[in-house]
C-alpha atoms as a PDB file:
ATOM      1  CA  MET A   1      -0.017   0.030  -0.030  1.00  0.00           C
ATOM      2  CA  ILE A   2       2.989   2.337   0.766  1.00  0.00           C
ATOM      3  CA  TYR A   3       4.519   1.711  -2.638  1.00  0.00           C
ATOM      4  CA  THR A   4       1.191   2.353  -4.411  1.00  0.00           C
ATOM      5  CA  GLN A   5       0.670   5.536  -2.544  1.00  0.00           C
ATOM      6  CA  LYS A   6       4.124   6.722  -3.351  1.00  0.00           C
ATOM      7  CA  ALA A   7       3.721   5.807  -6.987  1.00  0.00           C
ATOM      8  CA  PHE A   8       0.646   7.914  -7.368  1.00  0.00           C
ATOM      9  CA  GLU A   9       2.318  10.766  -5.564  1.00  0.00           C
ATOM     10  CA  MET A  10       5.174  10.681  -7.905  1.00  0.00           C
ATOM     11  CA  LEU A  11       2.795  10.724 -10.978  1.00  0.00           C
ATOM     12  CA  ASP A  12       1.095  13.779  -9.571  1.00  0.00           C
ATOM     13  CA  ASN A  13       4.508  15.508  -9.563  1.00  0.00           C
ATOM     14  CA  ILE A  14       6.052  14.248 -12.730  1.00  0.00           C
ATOM     15  CA  GLY A  15       2.966  13.850 -14.959  1.00  0.00           C
ATOM     16  CA  TRP A  16       0.771  11.009 -15.952  1.00  0.00           C
ATOM     17  CA  LYS A  17       2.508  10.558 -19.231  1.00  0.00           C
ATOM     18  CA  GLU A  18       4.954   8.398 -17.106  1.00  0.00           C
ATOM     19  CA  ALA A  19       2.198   6.144 -15.745  1.00  0.00           C
ATOM     20  CA  ASP A  20       3.259   3.050 -17.626  1.00  0.00           C
ATOM     21  CA  SER A  21       6.870   3.291 -16.305  1.00  0.00           C
ATOM     22  CA  VAL A  22       5.765   4.059 -12.662  1.00  0.00           C
ATOM     23  CA  LEU A  23       2.829   1.825 -12.146  1.00  0.00           C
ATOM     24  CA  GLY A  24       3.947  -1.094 -14.295  1.00  0.00           C
ATOM     25  CA  PRO A  25       6.425  -2.488 -11.782  1.00  0.00           C
ATOM     26  CA  LEU A  26       3.748  -2.635  -9.150  1.00  0.00           C
ATOM     27  CA  VAL A  27       1.904  -5.413 -10.876  1.00  0.00           C
ATOM     28  CA  PRO A  28       4.501  -8.180 -10.811  1.00  0.00           C
ATOM     29  CA  ASN A  29       5.406  -7.127  -7.293  1.00  0.00           C
ATOM     30  CA  MET A  30       1.786  -7.625  -6.126  1.00  0.00           C
ATOM     31  CA  VAL A  31       1.319 -10.865  -8.139  1.00  0.00           C
ATOM     32  CA  LEU A  32       4.639 -12.603  -7.327  1.00  0.00           C
ATOM     33  CA  SER A  33       5.372 -11.455  -3.720  1.00  0.00           C
ATOM     34  CA  THR A  34       4.563 -13.327  -0.664  1.00  0.00           C
ATOM     35  CA  ARG A  35       1.477 -11.784   1.020  1.00  0.00           C
ATOM     36  CA  TYR A  36       2.725  -9.828   4.035  1.00  0.00           C
ATOM     37  CA  ASP A  37       0.349 -11.559   6.466  1.00  0.00           C
ATOM     38  CA  ARG A  38       1.680 -14.953   5.352  1.00  0.00           C
ATOM     39  CA  LEU A  39       5.132 -14.245   6.758  1.00  0.00           C
ATOM     40  CA  PRO A  40       6.071 -16.375   9.758  1.00  0.00           C
ATOM     41  CA  TYR A  41       5.975 -13.571  12.361  1.00  0.00           C
ATOM     42  CA  MET A  42       2.327 -12.692  11.239  1.00  0.00           C
ATOM     43  CA  ARG A  43       0.986 -16.053  12.504  1.00  0.00           C
ATOM     44  CA  LYS A  44      -0.325 -14.412  15.564  1.00  0.00           C
ATOM     45  CA  PHE A  45      -2.197 -11.743  13.478  1.00  0.00           C
ATOM     46  CA  LEU A  46      -3.821 -14.553  11.448  1.00  0.00           C
ATOM     47  CA  LYS A  47      -4.776 -16.347  14.718  1.00  0.00           C
ATOM     48  CA  GLU A  48      -6.416 -13.184  16.088  1.00  0.00           C
ATOM     49  CA  TRP A  49      -8.072 -12.561  12.687  1.00  0.00           C
ATOM     50  CA  GLU A  50      -9.558 -15.955  12.587  1.00  0.00           C
ATOM     51  CA  THR A  51     -10.745 -15.709  16.143  1.00  0.00           C
ATOM     52  CA  ALA A  52     -12.312 -12.272  15.536  1.00  0.00           C
ATOM     53  CA  ASN A  53     -13.801 -13.464  12.208  1.00  0.00           C
ATOM     54  CA  PRO A  54     -15.081  -9.942  11.452  1.00  0.00           C
ATOM     55  CA  ASP A  55     -17.977  -9.429   8.947  1.00  0.00           C
ATOM     56  CA  LEU A  56     -16.313  -6.677   6.943  1.00  0.00           C
ATOM     57  CA  GLU A  57     -19.474  -5.989   4.946  1.00  0.00           C
ATOM     58  CA  GLN A  58     -21.602  -5.550   8.028  1.00  0.00           C
ATOM     59  CA  LEU A  59     -18.932  -3.459   9.828  1.00  0.00           C
ATOM     60  CA  TYR A  60     -18.567  -1.139   6.876  1.00  0.00           C
ATOM     61  CA  ALA A  61     -22.329  -0.678   6.684  1.00  0.00           C
ATOM     62  CA  SER A  62     -22.482   0.051  10.496  1.00  0.00           C
ATOM     63  CA  GLN A  63     -20.530   3.278  10.269  1.00  0.00           C
ATOM     64  CA  ASN A  64     -22.628   6.176  11.410  1.00  0.00           C
ATOM     65  CA  GLY A  65     -20.201   8.560  12.912  1.00  0.00           C
ATOM     66  CA  VAL A  66     -20.831   7.759  16.565  1.00  0.00           C
ATOM     67  CA  THR A  67     -18.257   9.174  18.912  1.00  0.00           C
ATOM     68  CA  PHE A  68     -16.021   6.898  20.961  1.00  0.00           C
ATOM     69  CA  ASP A  69     -13.543   6.936  23.804  1.00  0.00           C
ATOM     70  CA  ALA A  70     -10.302   7.363  21.732  1.00  0.00           C
ATOM     71  CA  SER A  71      -8.096   7.391  24.901  1.00  0.00           C
ATOM     72  CA  SER A  72      -9.380   4.012  25.906  1.00  0.00           C
ATOM     73  CA  PHE A  73      -8.961   2.709  22.332  1.00  0.00           C
ATOM     74  CA  GLN A  74      -5.408   3.941  22.235  1.00  0.00           C
ATOM     75  CA  ARG A  75      -4.544   2.293  25.593  1.00  0.00           C
ATOM     76  CA  SER A  76      -5.715  -1.049  24.166  1.00  0.00           C
ATOM     77  CA  LEU A  77      -3.445  -0.713  21.120  1.00  0.00           C
ATOM     78  CA  LEU A  78      -0.480   0.601  23.171  1.00  0.00           C
ATOM     79  CA  ASP A  79      -0.610  -1.564  26.437  1.00  0.00           C
ATOM     80  CA  GLY A  80      -3.129  -4.339  25.782  1.00  0.00           C
ATOM     81  CA  ASP A  81      -2.517  -7.821  24.395  1.00  0.00           C
ATOM     82  CA  PRO A  82      -3.334  -8.545  20.719  1.00  0.00           C
ATOM     83  CA  ASP A  83      -6.823  -9.692  21.690  1.00  0.00           C
ATOM     84  CA  HIS A  84      -7.509  -6.455  23.556  1.00  0.00           C
ATOM     85  CA  ALA A  85      -6.455  -4.474  20.386  1.00  0.00           C
ATOM     86  CA  PHE A  86      -8.694  -6.581  18.129  1.00  0.00           C
ATOM     87  CA  GLU A  87     -11.581  -6.348  20.627  1.00  0.00           C
ATOM     88  CA  ALA A  88     -11.146  -2.556  20.811  1.00  0.00           C
ATOM     89  CA  LEU A  89     -11.408  -2.269  16.986  1.00  0.00           C
ATOM     90  CA  ASN A  90     -14.258  -4.749  16.711  1.00  0.00           C
ATOM     91  CA  SER A  91     -16.236  -2.891  19.345  1.00  0.00           C
ATOM     92  CA  ALA A  92     -15.544   0.487  17.756  1.00  0.00           C
ATOM     93  CA  LEU A  93     -16.619  -0.608  14.305  1.00  0.00           C
ATOM     94  CA  THR A  94     -19.740  -2.550  15.569  1.00  0.00           C
ATOM     95  CA  ALA A  95     -20.816   0.520  17.479  1.00  0.00           C
ATOM     96  CA  GLY A  96     -20.635   2.592  14.274  1.00  0.00           C
ATOM     97  CA  VAL A  97     -17.462   4.646  14.877  1.00  0.00           C
ATOM     98  CA  SER A  98     -16.160   6.023  11.629  1.00  0.00           C
ATOM     99  CA  VAL A  99     -12.960   4.612  10.198  1.00  0.00           C
ATOM    100  CA  ALA A 100     -11.629   8.207   9.925  1.00  0.00           C
ATOM    101  CA  SER A 101     -11.920   8.489  13.756  1.00  0.00           C
ATOM    102  CA  ILE A 102     -10.220   5.169  14.208  1.00  0.00           C
ATOM    103  CA  LEU A 103      -7.413   6.124  11.910  1.00  0.00           C
ATOM    104  CA  ASP A 104      -6.835   9.290  13.806  1.00  0.00           C
ATOM    105  CA  ALA A 105      -6.597   7.414  17.139  1.00  0.00           C
ATOM    106  CA  THR A 106      -4.356   4.832  15.640  1.00  0.00           C
ATOM    107  CA  SER A 107      -2.098   7.472  14.120  1.00  0.00           C
ATOM    108  CA  LEU A 108      -1.665   9.073  17.540  1.00  0.00           C
ATOM    109  CA  SER A 109      -0.848   5.629  18.893  1.00  0.00           C
ATOM    110  CA  ALA A 110       1.791   5.135  16.251  1.00  0.00           C
ATOM    111  CA  ALA A 111       3.397   8.411  17.271  1.00  0.00           C
ATOM    112  CA  GLU A 112       3.430   7.322  20.878  1.00  0.00           C
ATOM    113  CA  ARG A 113       5.278   4.147  19.836  1.00  0.00           C
ATOM    114  CA  PHE A 114       8.138   6.360  18.505  1.00  0.00           C
ATOM    115  CA  ARG A 115       8.278   8.160  21.875  1.00  0.00           C
ATOM    116  CA  ARG A 116       8.414   4.845  23.725  1.00  0.00           C
ATOM    117  CA  PHE A 117      10.941   3.052  21.485  1.00  0.00           C
ATOM    118  CA  ASP A 118      14.024   1.807  23.228  1.00  0.00           C
ATOM    119  CA  ILE A 119      16.786   3.389  21.119  1.00  0.00           C
ATOM    120  CA  ASP A 120      19.430   1.033  22.598  1.00  0.00           C
ATOM    121  CA  LEU A 121      17.507  -1.856  21.039  1.00  0.00           C
ATOM    122  CA  ASP A 122      18.467  -0.550  17.557  1.00  0.00           C
ATOM    123  CA  ALA A 123      22.180  -0.683  18.352  1.00  0.00           C
ATOM    124  CA  ASP A 124      21.964  -4.298  19.659  1.00  0.00           C
ATOM    125  CA  ASP A 125      23.672  -6.556  17.043  1.00  0.00           C
ATOM    126  CA  THR A 126      22.110  -9.691  18.522  1.00  0.00           C
ATOM    127  CA  ASN A 127      18.574  -8.341  17.898  1.00  0.00           C
ATOM    128  CA  GLU A 128      16.788  -8.301  14.616  1.00  0.00           C
ATOM    129  CA  TRP A 129      14.307  -5.512  15.348  1.00  0.00           C
ATOM    130  CA  GLY A 130      14.831  -1.811  15.285  1.00  0.00           C
ATOM    131  CA  TRP A 131      13.615   1.538  14.139  1.00  0.00           C
ATOM    132  CA  LEU A 132      12.350   0.253  10.774  1.00  0.00           C
ATOM    133  CA  ASP A 133       9.799  -1.911  12.452  1.00  0.00           C
ATOM    134  CA  VAL A 134       8.407   1.050  14.497  1.00  0.00           C
ATOM    135  CA  THR A 135       8.483   3.584  11.623  1.00  0.00           C
ATOM    136  CA  HIS A 136       6.341   1.153   9.598  1.00  0.00           C
ATOM    137  CA  ASN A 137       3.444   2.019  11.934  1.00  0.00           C
ATOM    138  CA  MET A 138       3.308   5.549  10.772  1.00  0.00           C
ATOM    139  CA  THR A 139       4.208   5.075   7.073  1.00  0.00           C
ATOM    140  CA  TYR A 140       1.618   2.325   6.680  1.00  0.00           C
ATOM    141  CA  LEU A 141      -1.062   4.291   8.585  1.00  0.00           C
ATOM    142  CA  ASP A 142      -0.527   7.314   6.382  1.00  0.00           C
ATOM    143  CA  ALA A 143      -0.788   5.172   3.245  1.00  0.00           C
ATOM    144  CA  LEU A 144      -3.995   3.534   4.638  1.00  0.00           C
ATOM    145  CA  ARG A 145      -5.477   6.936   5.271  1.00  0.00           C
ATOM    146  CA  TRP A 146      -4.672   7.813   1.701  1.00  0.00           C
ATOM    147  CA  ALA A 147      -6.240   4.588   0.379  1.00  0.00           C
ATOM    148  CA  TRP A 148      -9.437   5.055   2.433  1.00  0.00           C
ATOM    149  CA  SER A 149      -9.896   8.538   1.221  1.00  0.00           C
ATOM    150  CA  LEU A 150      -9.890   7.230  -2.364  1.00  0.00           C
ATOM    151  CA  ASN A 151     -11.800   3.992  -1.986  1.00  0.00           C
ATOM    152  CA  PRO A 152     -13.536   3.371   1.279  1.00  0.00           C
ATOM    153  CA  SER A 153     -14.708  -0.293   1.194  1.00  0.00           C
ATOM    154  CA  PRO A 154     -15.242  -3.371   3.261  1.00  0.00           C
ATOM    155  CA  GLU A 155     -12.119  -4.854   1.683  1.00  0.00           C
ATOM    156  CA  LEU A 156     -10.018  -1.964   2.944  1.00  0.00           C
ATOM    157  CA  LEU A 157     -11.172  -2.561   6.491  1.00  0.00           C
ATOM    158  CA  ARG A 158      -8.732  -5.435   6.606  1.00  0.00           C
ATOM    159  CA  GLY A 159      -6.014  -2.835   6.345  1.00  0.00           C
ATOM    160  CA  VAL A 160      -7.428  -1.213   9.529  1.00  0.00           C
ATOM    161  CA  TYR A 161      -6.922  -4.418  11.329  1.00  0.00           C
ATOM    162  CA  HIS A 162      -3.437  -4.626  10.069  1.00  0.00           C
ATOM    163  CA  ALA A 163      -2.645  -1.090  11.304  1.00  0.00           C
ATOM    164  CA  ILE A 164      -3.834  -1.729  14.852  1.00  0.00           C
ATOM    165  CA  TRP A 165      -1.896  -5.006  14.854  1.00  0.00           C
ATOM    166  CA  PHE A 166       1.329  -3.241  13.868  1.00  0.00           C
ATOM    167  CA  VAL A 167       1.010  -0.685  16.567  1.00  0.00           C
ATOM    168  CA  ASN A 168       0.194  -3.407  19.154  1.00  0.00           C
ATOM    169  CA  PHE A 169       2.914  -5.778  17.907  1.00  0.00           C
ATOM    170  CA  THR A 170       5.655  -3.178  18.417  1.00  0.00           C
ATOM    171  CA  LYS A 171       4.940  -2.782  22.066  1.00  0.00           C
ATOM    172  CA  GLN A 172       7.706  -5.293  22.597  1.00  0.00           C
ATOM    173  CA  PHE A 173      10.269  -2.586  21.584  1.00  0.00           C
ATOM    174  CA  ASP A 174       9.197  -0.060  24.207  1.00  0.00           C
ATOM    175  CA  ARG A 175      11.847   1.052  26.658  1.00  0.00           C
ATOM    176  CA  ARG A 176      11.631  -0.951  29.823  1.00  0.00           C
ATOM    177  CA  GLY A 177      10.622   1.057  32.903  1.00  0.00           C
ATOM    178  CA  GLY A 178       8.809   3.664  30.809  1.00  0.00           C
ATOM    179  CA  VAL A 179       9.872   6.862  29.251  1.00  0.00           C
ATOM    180  CA  ALA A 180      10.328  10.138  31.209  1.00  0.00           C
ATOM    181  CA  GLU A 181       8.378  13.052  30.133  1.00  0.00           C
ATOM    182  CA  THR A 182      10.291  15.627  28.208  1.00  0.00           C
ATOM    183  CA  ARG A 183       9.664  19.254  29.180  1.00  0.00           C
ATOM    184  CA  PRO A 184       9.059  21.465  26.016  1.00  0.00           C
ATOM    185  CA  PHE A 185      11.701  23.984  25.206  1.00  0.00           C
ATOM    186  CA  ALA A 186       9.996  27.221  24.208  1.00  0.00           C
ATOM    187  CA  ASN A 187      11.557  28.623  21.078  1.00  0.00           C
ATOM    188  CA  ARG A 188      10.856  30.090  17.562  1.00  0.00           C
ATOM    189  CA  ASP A 189      13.991  28.905  15.794  1.00  0.00           C
ATOM    190  CA  ALA A 190      13.458  25.789  13.524  1.00  0.00           C
ATOM    191  CA  ASP A 191      17.239  25.488  13.066  1.00  0.00           C
ATOM    192  CA  LEU A 192      17.459  24.271  16.679  1.00  0.00           C
ATOM    193  CA  VAL A 193      15.598  21.197  15.481  1.00  0.00           C
ATOM    194  CA  LEU A 194      18.097  20.611  12.672  1.00  0.00           C
ATOM    195  CA  ASN A 195      20.964  21.145  15.123  1.00  0.00           C
ATOM    196  CA  ALA A 196      19.501  18.514  17.516  1.00  0.00           C
ATOM    197  CA  ILE A 197      19.206  16.016  14.564  1.00  0.00           C
ATOM    198  CA  ARG A 198      22.757  16.680  13.552  1.00  0.00           C
ATOM    199  CA  LYS A 199      24.069  16.240  17.109  1.00  0.00           C
ATOM    200  CA  LYS A 200      22.092  12.989  17.532  1.00  0.00           C
ATOM    201  CA  ASP A 201      20.139  14.316  20.449  1.00  0.00           C
ATOM    202  CA  PRO A 202      16.716  12.686  20.264  1.00  0.00           C
ATOM    203  CA  GLU A 203      15.248  13.984  23.468  1.00  0.00           C
ATOM    204  CA  GLY A 204      16.503  17.455  22.683  1.00  0.00           C
ATOM    205  CA  ALA A 205      14.781  17.233  19.305  1.00  0.00           C
ATOM    206  CA  VAL A 206      11.572  16.180  21.130  1.00  0.00           C
ATOM    207  CA  ALA A 207      11.767  19.100  23.584  1.00  0.00           C
ATOM    208  CA  ILE A 208      12.596  21.685  20.803  1.00  0.00           C
ATOM    209  CA  ILE A 209       9.687  20.533  18.494  1.00  0.00           C
ATOM    210  CA  ALA A 210       7.233  20.216  21.389  1.00  0.00           C
ATOM    211  CA  GLY A 211       8.041  23.834  22.417  1.00  0.00           C
ATOM    212  CA  TYR A 212       8.317  25.330  19.024  1.00  0.00           C
ATOM    213  CA  GLU A 213       6.177  28.443  18.517  1.00  0.00           C
ATOM    214  CA  GLY A 214       7.276  29.661  15.007  1.00  0.00           C
ATOM    215  CA  PRO A 215       5.813  29.074  11.580  1.00  0.00           C
ATOM    216  CA  GLU A 216       4.860  25.394  11.079  1.00  0.00           C
ATOM    217  CA  SER A 217       6.257  25.409   7.535  1.00  0.00           C
ATOM    218  CA  GLU A 218       9.794  26.251   8.852  1.00  0.00           C
ATOM    219  CA  LEU A 219       9.530  23.354  11.327  1.00  0.00           C
ATOM    220  CA  HIS A 220       8.533  21.002   8.489  1.00  0.00           C
ATOM    221  CA  ALA A 221      11.382  22.283   6.277  1.00  0.00           C
ATOM    222  CA  ALA A 222      13.854  21.676   9.215  1.00  0.00           C
ATOM    223  CA  LEU A 223      12.710  18.108   9.510  1.00  0.00           C
ATOM    224  CA  ALA A 224      12.946  17.597   5.651  1.00  0.00           C
ATOM    225  CA  HIS A 225      16.412  19.050   5.742  1.00  0.00           C
ATOM    226  CA  GLY A 226      17.404  16.614   8.582  1.00  0.00           C
ATOM    227  CA  ALA A 227      16.081  13.709   6.519  1.00  0.00           C
ATOM    228  CA  ALA A 228      18.026  14.811   3.459  1.00  0.00           C
ATOM    229  CA  GLU A 229      21.197  15.031   5.526  1.00  0.00           C
ATOM    230  CA  ASP A 230      20.796  11.482   6.984  1.00  0.00           C
ATOM    231  CA  ASN A 231      24.037   9.511   6.415  1.00  0.00           C
ATOM    232  CA  SER A 232      22.462   5.993   6.191  1.00  0.00           C
ATOM    233  CA  VAL A 233      24.005   3.604   3.645  1.00  0.00           C
ATOM    234  CA  ALA A 234      21.421   0.981   3.052  1.00  0.00           C
ATOM    235  CA  PRO A 235      18.776   2.141   0.449  1.00  0.00           C
ATOM    236  CA  ILE A 236      15.950   0.877   2.736  1.00  0.00           C
ATOM    237  CA  MET A 237      17.194   3.044   5.560  1.00  0.00           C
ATOM    238  CA  ILE A 238      17.394   6.147   3.317  1.00  0.00           C
ATOM    239  CA  ALA A 239      13.967   5.480   1.913  1.00  0.00           C
ATOM    240  CA  HIS A 240      12.474   4.984   5.409  1.00  0.00           C
ATOM    241  CA  THR A 241      14.122   8.205   6.643  1.00  0.00           C
ATOM    242  CA  VAL A 242      12.501  10.206   3.936  1.00  0.00           C
ATOM    243  CA  LYS A 243       9.083   8.610   3.795  1.00  0.00           C
ATOM    244  CA  THR A 244       8.693   8.562   7.639  1.00  0.00           C
ATOM    245  CA  THR A 245       9.404  12.264   7.739  1.00  0.00           C
ATOM    246  CA  ARG A 246       6.898  12.916   4.934  1.00  0.00           C
ATOM    247  CA  ALA A 247       4.210  10.692   6.573  1.00  0.00           C
ATOM    248  CA  ALA A 248       4.694  12.374   9.910  1.00  0.00           C
ATOM    249  CA  ILE A 249       4.250  15.886   8.348  1.00  0.00           C
ATOM    250  CA  VAL A 250       1.055  14.682   6.503  1.00  0.00           C
ATOM    251  CA  GLU A 251      -0.344  12.962   9.607  1.00  0.00           C
ATOM    252  CA  SER A 252       0.335  15.923  11.806  1.00  0.00           C
ATOM    253  CA  GLU A 253      -1.621  18.143   9.382  1.00  0.00           C
ATOM    254  CA  ALA A 254      -4.486  15.684   9.216  1.00  0.00           C
ATOM    255  CA  LEU A 255      -4.739  15.345  12.981  1.00  0.00           C
ATOM    256  CA  GLY A 256      -4.139  18.928  13.802  1.00  0.00           C
ATOM    257  CA  SER A 257      -1.539  17.603  16.371  1.00  0.00           C
ATOM    258  CA  ARG A 258       2.241  17.927  16.492  1.00  0.00           C
ATOM    259  CA  ASP A 259       2.645  14.479  17.948  1.00  0.00           C
ATOM    260  CA  PRO A 260       3.577  12.736  14.690  1.00  0.00           C
ATOM    261  CA  ILE A 261       6.371  15.317  13.949  1.00  0.00           C
ATOM    262  CA  ILE A 262       7.663  15.109  17.484  1.00  0.00           C
ATOM    263  CA  ALA A 263       7.902  11.363  16.832  1.00  0.00           C
ATOM    264  CA  ALA A 264       9.744  12.001  13.527  1.00  0.00           C
ATOM    265  CA  GLY A 265      12.186  14.287  15.308  1.00  0.00           C
ATOM    266  CA  ARG A 266      13.099  11.669  17.784  1.00  0.00           C
ATOM    267  CA  PHE A 267      13.586   9.103  14.990  1.00  0.00           C
ATOM    268  CA  LEU A 268      15.787  11.453  12.890  1.00  0.00           C
ATOM    269  CA  ALA A 269      17.926  12.458  15.841  1.00  0.00           C
ATOM    270  CA  SER A 270      18.525   8.895  17.048  1.00  0.00           C
ATOM    271  CA  PRO A 271      21.731   7.031  16.216  1.00  0.00           C
ATOM    272  CA  LYS A 272      20.972   4.089  14.077  1.00  0.00           C
ATOM    273  CA  ARG A 273      22.637   0.828  13.152  1.00  0.00           C
ATOM    274  CA  GLU A 274      22.400  -1.039   9.844  1.00  0.00           C
ATOM    275  CA  ARG A 275      22.604  -4.808  10.471  1.00  0.00           C
ATOM    276  CA  PHE A 276      20.839  -5.991   7.315  1.00  0.00           C
ATOM    277  CA  VAL A 277      23.222  -8.613   5.997  1.00  0.00           C
ATOM    278  CA  TYR A 278      23.532 -10.396   9.343  1.00  0.00           C
ATOM    279  CA  ASN A 279      19.809 -10.159  10.131  1.00  0.00           C
ATOM    280  CA  ALA A 280      18.712 -10.974   6.573  1.00  0.00           C
ATOM    281  CA  THR A 281      20.736 -14.237   6.704  1.00  0.00           C
ATOM    282  CA  LEU A 282      19.238 -15.337   9.971  1.00  0.00           C
ATOM    283  CA  GLU A 283      15.809 -14.406   8.729  1.00  0.00           C
ATOM    284  CA  ALA A 284      16.340 -16.445   5.520  1.00  0.00           C
ATOM    285  CA  ILE A 285      17.408 -19.391   7.476  1.00  0.00           C
ATOM    286  CA  SER A 286      14.404 -19.260   9.715  1.00  0.00           C
ATOM    287  CA  PHE A 287      12.037 -18.660   6.823  1.00  0.00           C
ATOM    288  CA  GLY A 288      13.462 -21.722   4.977  1.00  0.00           C
ATOM    289  CA  GLN A 289      12.777 -23.776   7.981  1.00  0.00           C
ATOM    290  CA  GLY A 290       9.184 -22.548   8.187  1.00  0.00           C
ATOM    291  CA  ARG A 291       9.495 -20.690  11.446  1.00  0.00           C
ATOM    292  CA  ALA A 292       9.713 -17.120  12.705  1.00  0.00           C
ATOM    293  CA  ARG A 293      12.970 -15.716  14.161  1.00  0.00           C
ATOM    294  CA  GLY A 294      13.223 -16.651  17.802  1.00  0.00           C
ATOM    295  CA  GLU A 295      11.015 -19.734  17.605  1.00  0.00           C
ATOM    296  CA  GLY A 296      12.488 -23.106  18.461  1.00  0.00           C
ATOM    297  CA  LYS A 297      13.930 -25.280  15.804  1.00  0.00           C
END
């Protein structure tokens, strides 16, 4: 969904005369690739999905814009077990809560995951998980919001279940013992954000963005500048840095909340490791043996 969103965004910028070249490669990718929810680590998702057995047609027809307790919903996603997250979504949809409201609450939950992420985990060479897994929460959610705006449908409701699953699944990467609240640093200088990113000062970036009182456009520009200066080597890291920043800005505007760009600031300012060859090898061995990483042989 993310690739499709980006393909259409590109066409909007370069012109639809390039549609064959840009959209064509998406087709074999969709046809030949393994479905994401068929990957070994998604077995728990499929178990929850089969247990919930949602009637997507009925849930789609039930939307009537009823208000809901977004805070309670977010707690289920952030702190509950997978069954709590699924039950929270099922209950909201059954009650008639709009998908737009659910996406808003899920987006704020995704931003909170950034704030809770254990940065030391990303530097642990014995661990396969890291920032990429957490940033997927926001980039996927942003793509899902785009898709829903174009084609709201029962089929696309499955993507909403994916979104809440991703946010809940990444709970395991939260910093143990919780995260201390960061006091906002009042300022009107967007360059301070860029300096914090350059100095690899994630909590400083959070404080500066939270306390920023200048033009929002300058803050967005500073984040984009920080993403452009990122010194990652692996193409996937470079891509994630750019698209996470873009998604955070779009989500922030959609929500009328600065939480997503605060999250992006922490991500951009964090030191990151690139362990892809090592981890890809272990993942390939596990996949060939039909198990998820970490499961017994």
